[in-house]
Amino acid sequence: MISTISAIERDLVTEGFVRRYDTASTDDGLPPGEGMFLACSFWLADNYALTGRANDARTLFERLLALRNDVGLLAEEYDPRTKRLVGNFPQAFSHVGLVDTAFNLSRGVPVRQRPAAQRADGSDGERSVQERGRSTSPKR
């Protein structure tokens, strides 16, 4: 994942936000250029948080939060040249990214620093509801 993050930073980050892909080198039938894709930018902030780069994660997250309109909504993309939200509006994927990143930042401890048993089941040490039910259910 760390190598993927490095490649994204090198090839897709522009003006502090992430592009979906390099529109100048990809023949997708559309003219080159589009806004910075907010879901991808939140994804990068998530990965910063989950790989222990908390300061980078918070900085990017706060930059993304600052893009919301007066009622807290986000579009699909952001154009840093014109400083405007562009694309589909409002965009659910951008908001899901916001919630996911807020959750990851609120956890405080990168996944790689938690004990292996917690990383494996994603439970942070809590047994799942099914496991708790099985362990306390009487045998028949």
N, C-alpha and C. Protein backbone atom coordinates (compact mmCIF):
# COMPACT_ATOMS: atom_id res chain seq x y z
N MET A 1 0.82 -1.19 0.00
CA MET A 1 0.00 0.00 0.00
C MET A 1 0.86 1.26 0.00
N ILE A 2 1.97 1.19 0.72
CA ILE A 2 2.84 2.36 0.80
C ILE A 2 3.38 2.72 -0.58
N SER A 3 3.71 1.72 -1.40
CA SER A 3 4.18 1.98 -2.77
C SER A 3 3.07 2.58 -3.62
N THR A 4 1.85 2.12 -3.42
CA THR A 4 0.71 2.67 -4.16
C THR A 4 0.49 4.12 -3.79
N ILE A 5 0.58 4.43 -2.50
CA ILE A 5 0.44 5.82 -2.05
C ILE A 5 1.51 6.69 -2.70
N SER A 6 2.74 6.20 -2.72
CA SER A 6 3.84 6.96 -3.35
C SER A 6 3.57 7.21 -4.83
N ALA A 7 3.07 6.20 -5.53
CA ALA A 7 2.76 6.36 -6.96
C ALA A 7 1.63 7.37 -7.17
N ILE A 8 0.63 7.33 -6.32
CA ILE A 8 -0.48 8.28 -6.42
C ILE A 8 0.02 9.69 -6.16
N GLU A 9 0.84 9.85 -5.13
CA GLU A 9 1.40 11.18 -4.83
C GLU A 9 2.22 11.69 -6.02
N ARG A 10 3.00 10.82 -6.62
CA ARG A 10 3.87 11.20 -7.74
C ARG A 10 3.07 11.50 -9.02
N ASP A 11 2.08 10.66 -9.32
CA ASP A 11 1.42 10.73 -10.63
C ASP A 11 0.05 11.38 -10.66
N LEU A 12 -0.65 11.42 -9.54
CA LEU A 12 -2.05 11.88 -9.58
C LEU A 12 -2.39 13.05 -8.66
N VAL A 13 -1.50 13.44 -7.77
CA VAL A 13 -1.80 14.57 -6.89
C VAL A 13 -1.42 15.86 -7.59
N THR A 14 -2.39 16.76 -7.66
CA THR A 14 -2.20 18.08 -8.26
C THR A 14 -2.80 19.11 -7.31
N GLU A 15 -2.00 20.08 -6.94
CA GLU A 15 -2.45 21.15 -6.06
C GLU A 15 -3.09 20.60 -4.78
N GLY A 16 -2.54 19.49 -4.29
CA GLY A 16 -2.99 18.93 -3.02
C GLY A 16 -4.22 18.06 -3.08
N PHE A 17 -4.73 17.77 -4.28
CA PHE A 17 -5.91 16.91 -4.44
C PHE A 17 -5.58 15.80 -5.43
N VAL A 18 -6.39 14.74 -5.44
CA VAL A 18 -6.10 13.57 -6.27
C VAL A 18 -7.01 13.54 -7.50
N ARG A 19 -6.38 13.30 -8.65
CA ARG A 19 -7.12 13.07 -9.89
C ARG A 19 -7.46 11.59 -9.99
N ARG A 20 -8.53 11.25 -10.69
CA ARG A 20 -8.88 9.83 -10.88
C ARG A 20 -7.83 9.13 -11.72
N TYR A 21 -7.38 9.80 -12.77
CA TYR A 21 -6.40 9.25 -13.68
C TYR A 21 -5.82 10.40 -14.47
N ASP A 22 -4.76 10.15 -15.20
CA ASP A 22 -4.12 11.18 -16.02
C ASP A 22 -4.90 11.32 -17.32
N THR A 23 -5.73 12.33 -17.38
CA THR A 23 -6.60 12.50 -18.55
C THR A 23 -5.82 12.88 -19.81
N ALA A 24 -4.62 13.42 -19.66
CA ALA A 24 -3.82 13.79 -20.83
C ALA A 24 -3.23 12.55 -21.51
N SER A 25 -2.98 11.49 -20.75
CA SER A 25 -2.35 10.31 -21.34
C SER A 25 -3.31 9.14 -21.55
N THR A 26 -4.57 9.32 -21.20
CA THR A 26 -5.56 8.26 -21.34
C THR A 26 -6.58 8.65 -22.39
N ASP A 27 -6.78 7.79 -23.38
CA ASP A 27 -7.77 8.07 -24.41
C ASP A 27 -9.12 7.51 -23.94
N ASP A 28 -9.89 8.37 -23.30
CA ASP A 28 -11.20 7.94 -22.81
C ASP A 28 -12.34 8.54 -23.63
N GLY A 29 -11.99 9.20 -24.75
CA GLY A 29 -13.00 9.79 -25.60
C GLY A 29 -13.44 11.17 -25.16
N LEU A 30 -12.90 11.65 -24.05
CA LEU A 30 -13.23 12.98 -23.53
C LEU A 30 -12.04 13.91 -23.70
N PRO A 31 -12.30 15.21 -23.75
CA PRO A 31 -11.16 16.12 -23.83
C PRO A 31 -10.34 16.03 -22.54
N PRO A 32 -9.01 16.22 -22.64
CA PRO A 32 -8.17 16.16 -21.43
C PRO A 32 -8.62 17.17 -20.38
N GLY A 33 -8.46 16.78 -19.15
CA GLY A 33 -8.75 17.68 -18.04
C GLY A 33 -10.08 17.39 -17.38
N GLU A 34 -10.05 17.37 -16.11
CA GLU A 34 -11.25 17.29 -15.28
C GLU A 34 -10.85 17.77 -13.90
N GLY A 35 -11.81 17.94 -13.02
CA GLY A 35 -11.51 18.38 -11.68
C GLY A 35 -10.82 17.30 -10.87
N MET A 36 -10.38 17.69 -9.69
CA MET A 36 -9.80 16.73 -8.76
C MET A 36 -10.93 15.91 -8.18
N PHE A 37 -10.78 14.62 -8.14
CA PHE A 37 -11.85 13.72 -7.74
C PHE A 37 -11.86 13.60 -6.22
N LEU A 38 -12.91 14.08 -5.58
CA LEU A 38 -12.93 14.17 -4.13
C LEU A 38 -12.93 12.80 -3.44
N ALA A 39 -13.62 11.82 -4.00
CA ALA A 39 -13.61 10.48 -3.38
C ALA A 39 -12.19 9.93 -3.33
N CYS A 40 -11.43 10.13 -4.39
CA CYS A 40 -10.03 9.67 -4.41
C CYS A 40 -9.18 10.45 -3.41
N SER A 41 -9.47 11.72 -3.25
CA SER A 41 -8.73 12.52 -2.28
C SER A 41 -9.02 12.06 -0.86
N PHE A 42 -10.27 11.76 -0.55
CA PHE A 42 -10.60 11.19 0.77
C PHE A 42 -9.94 9.83 0.94
N TRP A 43 -9.91 9.04 -0.12
CA TRP A 43 -9.26 7.73 -0.06
C TRP A 43 -7.79 7.89 0.31
N LEU A 44 -7.12 8.87 -0.26
CA LEU A 44 -5.72 9.10 0.07
C LEU A 44 -5.58 9.50 1.53
N ALA A 45 -6.45 10.36 2.02
CA ALA A 45 -6.41 10.73 3.44
C ALA A 45 -6.62 9.50 4.32
N ASP A 46 -7.54 8.61 3.94
CA ASP A 46 -7.74 7.35 4.68
C ASP A 46 -6.45 6.56 4.76
N ASN A 47 -5.80 6.43 3.63
CA ASN A 47 -4.59 5.62 3.59
C ASN A 47 -3.44 6.27 4.34
N TYR A 48 -3.38 7.58 4.34
CA TYR A 48 -2.41 8.24 5.20
C TYR A 48 -2.67 7.85 6.66
N ALA A 49 -3.92 7.95 7.07
CA ALA A 49 -4.26 7.62 8.46
C ALA A 49 -3.93 6.17 8.79
N LEU A 50 -4.28 5.27 7.90
CA LEU A 50 -4.10 3.85 8.18
C LEU A 50 -2.66 3.38 8.06
N THR A 51 -1.79 4.21 7.49
CA THR A 51 -0.37 3.86 7.43
C THR A 51 0.46 4.70 8.39
N GLY A 52 -0.20 5.36 9.32
CA GLY A 52 0.52 6.09 10.36
C GLY A 52 0.89 7.51 10.03
N ARG A 53 0.43 8.04 8.92
CA ARG A 53 0.73 9.42 8.53
C ARG A 53 -0.41 10.34 8.97
N ALA A 54 -0.63 10.40 10.27
CA ALA A 54 -1.78 11.11 10.83
C ALA A 54 -1.78 12.60 10.47
N ASN A 55 -0.63 13.25 10.52
CA ASN A 55 -0.60 14.68 10.19
C ASN A 55 -0.97 14.93 8.74
N ASP A 56 -0.45 14.11 7.83
CA ASP A 56 -0.82 14.25 6.42
C ASP A 56 -2.31 13.99 6.23
N ALA A 57 -2.83 12.99 6.93
CA ALA A 57 -4.25 12.64 6.82
C ALA A 57 -5.12 13.81 7.29
N ARG A 58 -4.79 14.37 8.43
CA ARG A 58 -5.60 15.48 8.96
C ARG A 58 -5.50 16.73 8.07
N THR A 59 -4.31 17.00 7.57
CA THR A 59 -4.13 18.16 6.69
C THR A 59 -4.99 18.03 5.44
N LEU A 60 -4.94 16.86 4.80
CA LEU A 60 -5.75 16.65 3.60
C LEU A 60 -7.23 16.66 3.93
N PHE A 61 -7.61 16.01 5.03
CA PHE A 61 -9.02 15.97 5.43
C PHE A 61 -9.55 17.39 5.65
N GLU A 62 -8.80 18.22 6.35
CA GLU A 62 -9.25 19.59 6.61
C GLU A 62 -9.33 20.39 5.31
N ARG A 63 -8.39 20.15 4.38
CA ARG A 63 -8.44 20.82 3.07
C ARG A 63 -9.72 20.43 2.34
N LEU A 64 -10.08 19.15 2.42
CA LEU A 64 -11.31 18.67 1.76
C LEU A 64 -12.55 19.22 2.44
N LEU A 65 -12.56 19.26 3.77
CA LEU A 65 -13.72 19.82 4.48
C LEU A 65 -13.96 21.27 4.11
N ALA A 66 -12.91 22.00 3.86
CA ALA A 66 -13.03 23.42 3.53
C ALA A 66 -13.73 23.65 2.18
N LEU A 67 -13.86 22.60 1.38
CA LEU A 67 -14.50 22.73 0.07
C LEU A 67 -16.03 22.68 0.14
N ARG A 68 -16.57 22.23 1.26
CA ARG A 68 -18.03 22.08 1.36
C ARG A 68 -18.73 23.42 1.16
N ASN A 69 -19.95 23.34 0.63
CA ASN A 69 -20.71 24.58 0.45
C ASN A 69 -21.34 25.02 1.78
N ASP A 70 -22.19 26.02 1.73
CA ASP A 70 -22.75 26.60 2.95
C ASP A 70 -23.63 25.64 3.75
N VAL A 71 -24.10 24.56 3.15
CA VAL A 71 -24.89 23.58 3.89
C VAL A 71 -24.14 22.25 4.03
N GLY A 72 -22.84 22.27 3.77
CA GLY A 72 -22.00 21.11 4.01
C GLY A 72 -21.94 20.08 2.91
N LEU A 73 -22.43 20.42 1.71
CA LEU A 73 -22.45 19.44 0.62
C LEU A 73 -21.20 19.55 -0.25
N LEU A 74 -20.87 18.42 -0.86
CA LEU A 74 -19.73 18.33 -1.77
C LEU A 74 -20.19 17.85 -3.13
N ALA A 75 -19.45 18.23 -4.14
CA ALA A 75 -19.68 17.73 -5.50
C ALA A 75 -18.78 16.52 -5.72
N GLU A 76 -18.80 16.04 -6.94
CA GLU A 76 -17.96 14.92 -7.34
C GLU A 76 -16.49 15.34 -7.44
N GLU A 77 -16.27 16.56 -7.93
CA GLU A 77 -14.93 17.03 -8.21
C GLU A 77 -14.74 18.46 -7.72
N TYR A 78 -13.48 18.88 -7.72
CA TYR A 78 -13.13 20.25 -7.37
C TYR A 78 -12.12 20.76 -8.39
N ASP A 79 -12.32 21.99 -8.85
CA ASP A 79 -11.39 22.61 -9.79
C ASP A 79 -10.56 23.64 -9.02
N PRO A 80 -9.29 23.33 -8.74
CA PRO A 80 -8.47 24.26 -7.96
C PRO A 80 -8.15 25.56 -8.70
N ARG A 81 -8.22 25.55 -10.04
CA ARG A 81 -7.97 26.79 -10.80
C ARG A 81 -9.07 27.81 -10.55
N THR A 82 -10.32 27.35 -10.66
CA THR A 82 -11.45 28.26 -10.48
C THR A 82 -11.97 28.28 -9.04
N LYS A 83 -11.42 27.37 -8.23
CA LYS A 83 -11.84 27.23 -6.82
C LYS A 83 -13.35 26.98 -6.70
N ARG A 84 -13.83 26.02 -7.55
CA ARG A 84 -15.25 25.69 -7.57
C ARG A 84 -15.46 24.19 -7.52
N LEU A 85 -16.55 23.80 -6.89
CA LEU A 85 -16.99 22.41 -6.95
C LEU A 85 -17.56 22.18 -8.35
N VAL A 86 -17.22 21.05 -8.96
CA VAL A 86 -17.70 20.74 -10.31
C VAL A 86 -18.15 19.29 -10.37
N GLY A 87 -18.84 18.95 -11.44
CA GLY A 87 -19.32 17.58 -11.61
C GLY A 87 -20.66 17.37 -10.93
N ASN A 88 -21.00 16.13 -10.73
CA ASN A 88 -22.28 15.79 -10.11
C ASN A 88 -22.38 16.40 -8.72
N PHE A 89 -23.54 16.98 -8.44
CA PHE A 89 -23.74 17.67 -7.16
C PHE A 89 -25.17 17.46 -6.68
N PRO A 90 -25.35 17.11 -5.42
CA PRO A 90 -24.34 16.62 -4.49
C PRO A 90 -23.93 15.20 -4.86
N GLN A 91 -22.76 14.81 -4.41
CA GLN A 91 -22.21 13.50 -4.78
C GLN A 91 -22.10 12.61 -3.54
N ALA A 92 -22.85 11.53 -3.55
CA ALA A 92 -22.86 10.61 -2.40
C ALA A 92 -21.49 10.02 -2.13
N PHE A 93 -20.74 9.65 -3.19
CA PHE A 93 -19.43 9.04 -2.97
C PHE A 93 -18.48 9.99 -2.24
N SER A 94 -18.57 11.26 -2.52
CA SER A 94 -17.74 12.23 -1.80
C SER A 94 -18.11 12.25 -0.32
N HIS A 95 -19.40 12.17 -0.05
CA HIS A 95 -19.85 12.20 1.35
C HIS A 95 -19.51 10.90 2.08
N VAL A 96 -19.59 9.78 1.39
CA VAL A 96 -19.16 8.51 1.99
C VAL A 96 -17.68 8.60 2.33
N GLY A 97 -16.89 9.17 1.42
CA GLY A 97 -15.46 9.35 1.69
C GLY A 97 -15.22 10.22 2.91
N LEU A 98 -15.99 11.29 3.04
CA LEU A 98 -15.86 12.16 4.20
C LEU A 98 -16.13 11.39 5.49
N VAL A 99 -17.20 10.62 5.52
CA VAL A 99 -17.56 9.85 6.72
C VAL A 99 -16.49 8.80 7.02
N ASP A 100 -16.04 8.07 6.01
CA ASP A 100 -15.02 7.05 6.21
C ASP A 100 -13.73 7.65 6.77
N THR A 101 -13.31 8.77 6.20
CA THR A 101 -12.07 9.39 6.66
C THR A 101 -12.23 9.92 8.07
N ALA A 102 -13.36 10.53 8.37
CA ALA A 102 -13.59 10.99 9.75
C ALA A 102 -13.53 9.82 10.72
N PHE A 103 -14.12 8.70 10.35
CA PHE A 103 -14.08 7.50 11.19
C PHE A 103 -12.64 7.03 11.40
N ASN A 104 -11.89 6.92 10.30
CA ASN A 104 -10.50 6.46 10.42
C ASN A 104 -9.66 7.40 11.26
N LEU A 105 -9.85 8.68 11.10
CA LEU A 105 -9.10 9.64 11.90
C LEU A 105 -9.51 9.59 13.37
N SER A 106 -10.77 9.32 13.64
CA SER A 106 -11.24 9.28 15.02
C SER A 106 -10.71 8.08 15.78
N ARG A 107 -10.32 7.03 15.07
CA ARG A 107 -9.80 5.83 15.71
C ARG A 107 -8.44 6.07 16.33
N GLY A 108 -7.65 6.95 15.72
CA GLY A 108 -6.39 7.35 16.31
C GLY A 108 -5.23 6.39 16.18
N VAL A 109 -5.46 5.10 16.09
CA VAL A 109 -4.36 4.14 16.04
C VAL A 109 -4.35 3.48 14.67
N PRO A 110 -3.24 3.63 13.94
CA PRO A 110 -3.18 2.97 12.63
C PRO A 110 -3.37 1.47 12.77
N VAL A 111 -4.01 0.87 11.77
CA VAL A 111 -4.27 -0.56 11.78
C VAL A 111 -2.99 -1.35 12.01
N ARG A 112 -1.90 -0.96 11.38
CA ARG A 112 -0.67 -1.74 11.48
C ARG A 112 -0.09 -1.72 12.89
N GLN A 113 -0.55 -0.84 13.76
CA GLN A 113 -0.03 -0.79 15.12
C GLN A 113 -0.92 -1.55 16.11
N ARG A 114 -2.05 -2.07 15.65
CA ARG A 114 -2.90 -2.86 16.53
C ARG A 114 -2.43 -4.31 16.53
N PRO A 115 -2.73 -5.06 17.58
CA PRO A 115 -2.34 -6.47 17.61
C PRO A 115 -2.89 -7.24 16.41
N ALA A 116 -2.17 -8.28 16.00
CA ALA A 116 -2.53 -9.04 14.81
C ALA A 116 -3.95 -9.57 14.86
N ALA A 117 -4.41 -10.04 16.02
CA ALA A 117 -5.77 -10.59 16.12
C ALA A 117 -6.81 -9.51 15.81
N GLN A 118 -6.55 -8.30 16.22
CA GLN A 118 -7.49 -7.21 15.94
C GLN A 118 -7.44 -6.83 14.47
N ARG A 119 -6.26 -6.82 13.86
CA ARG A 119 -6.16 -6.49 12.45
C ARG A 119 -6.89 -7.52 11.60
N ALA A 120 -6.81 -8.79 12.01
CA ALA A 120 -7.39 -9.87 11.20
C ALA A 120 -8.90 -9.79 11.11
N ASP A 121 -9.55 -9.46 12.22
CA ASP A 121 -11.01 -9.44 12.17
C ASP A 121 -11.60 -8.04 12.18
N GLY A 122 -10.74 -7.01 12.28
CA GLY A 122 -11.22 -5.64 12.22
C GLY A 122 -12.05 -5.23 13.41
N SER A 123 -11.96 -5.97 14.51
CA SER A 123 -12.88 -5.73 15.61
C SER A 123 -12.30 -4.87 16.72
N ASP A 124 -11.05 -4.48 16.64
CA ASP A 124 -10.41 -3.71 17.70
C ASP A 124 -10.49 -4.41 19.03
N GLY A 125 -10.43 -5.74 19.01
CA GLY A 125 -10.41 -6.50 20.25
C GLY A 125 -11.77 -6.95 20.73
N GLU A 126 -12.82 -6.43 20.15
CA GLU A 126 -14.16 -6.84 20.52
C GLU A 126 -14.55 -8.06 19.70
N ARG A 127 -15.13 -9.04 20.34
CA ARG A 127 -15.61 -10.19 19.58
C ARG A 127 -16.87 -9.78 18.83
N SER A 128 -17.10 -10.44 17.72
CA SER A 128 -18.28 -10.12 16.93
C SER A 128 -19.53 -10.56 17.68
N VAL A 129 -20.67 -10.04 17.26
CA VAL A 129 -21.94 -10.41 17.87
C VAL A 129 -22.16 -11.91 17.78
N GLN A 130 -21.83 -12.49 16.61
CA GLN A 130 -22.00 -13.94 16.45
C GLN A 130 -21.11 -14.70 17.41
N GLU A 131 -19.86 -14.27 17.56
CA GLU A 131 -18.94 -14.96 18.47
C GLU A 131 -19.44 -14.86 19.91
N ARG A 132 -19.90 -13.68 20.30
CA ARG A 132 -20.40 -13.52 21.67
C ARG A 132 -21.62 -14.40 21.89
N GLY A 133 -22.50 -14.46 20.87
CA GLY A 133 -23.71 -15.27 20.98
C GLY A 133 -23.37 -16.76 21.09
N ARG A 134 -22.42 -17.21 20.30
CA ARG A 134 -22.03 -18.63 20.34
C ARG A 134 -21.38 -18.99 21.66
N SER A 135 -20.55 -18.10 22.19
CA SER A 135 -19.83 -18.43 23.40
C SER A 135 -20.72 -18.41 24.65
N THR A 136 -21.85 -17.73 24.57
CA THR A 136 -22.72 -17.65 25.74
C THR A 136 -24.00 -18.46 25.57
N SER A 137 -24.23 -19.00 24.40
CA SER A 137 -25.44 -19.78 24.18
C SER A 137 -25.29 -21.16 24.81
N PRO A 138 -26.35 -21.66 25.47
CA PRO A 138 -26.25 -23.00 26.02
C PRO A 138 -26.21 -24.03 24.90
N LYS A 139 -25.47 -25.10 25.14
CA LYS A 139 -25.39 -26.18 24.14
C LYS A 139 -26.67 -26.97 24.20
N ARG A 140 -27.14 -27.45 23.05
CA ARG A 140 -28.37 -28.24 22.99
C ARG A 140 -28.06 -29.65 22.64
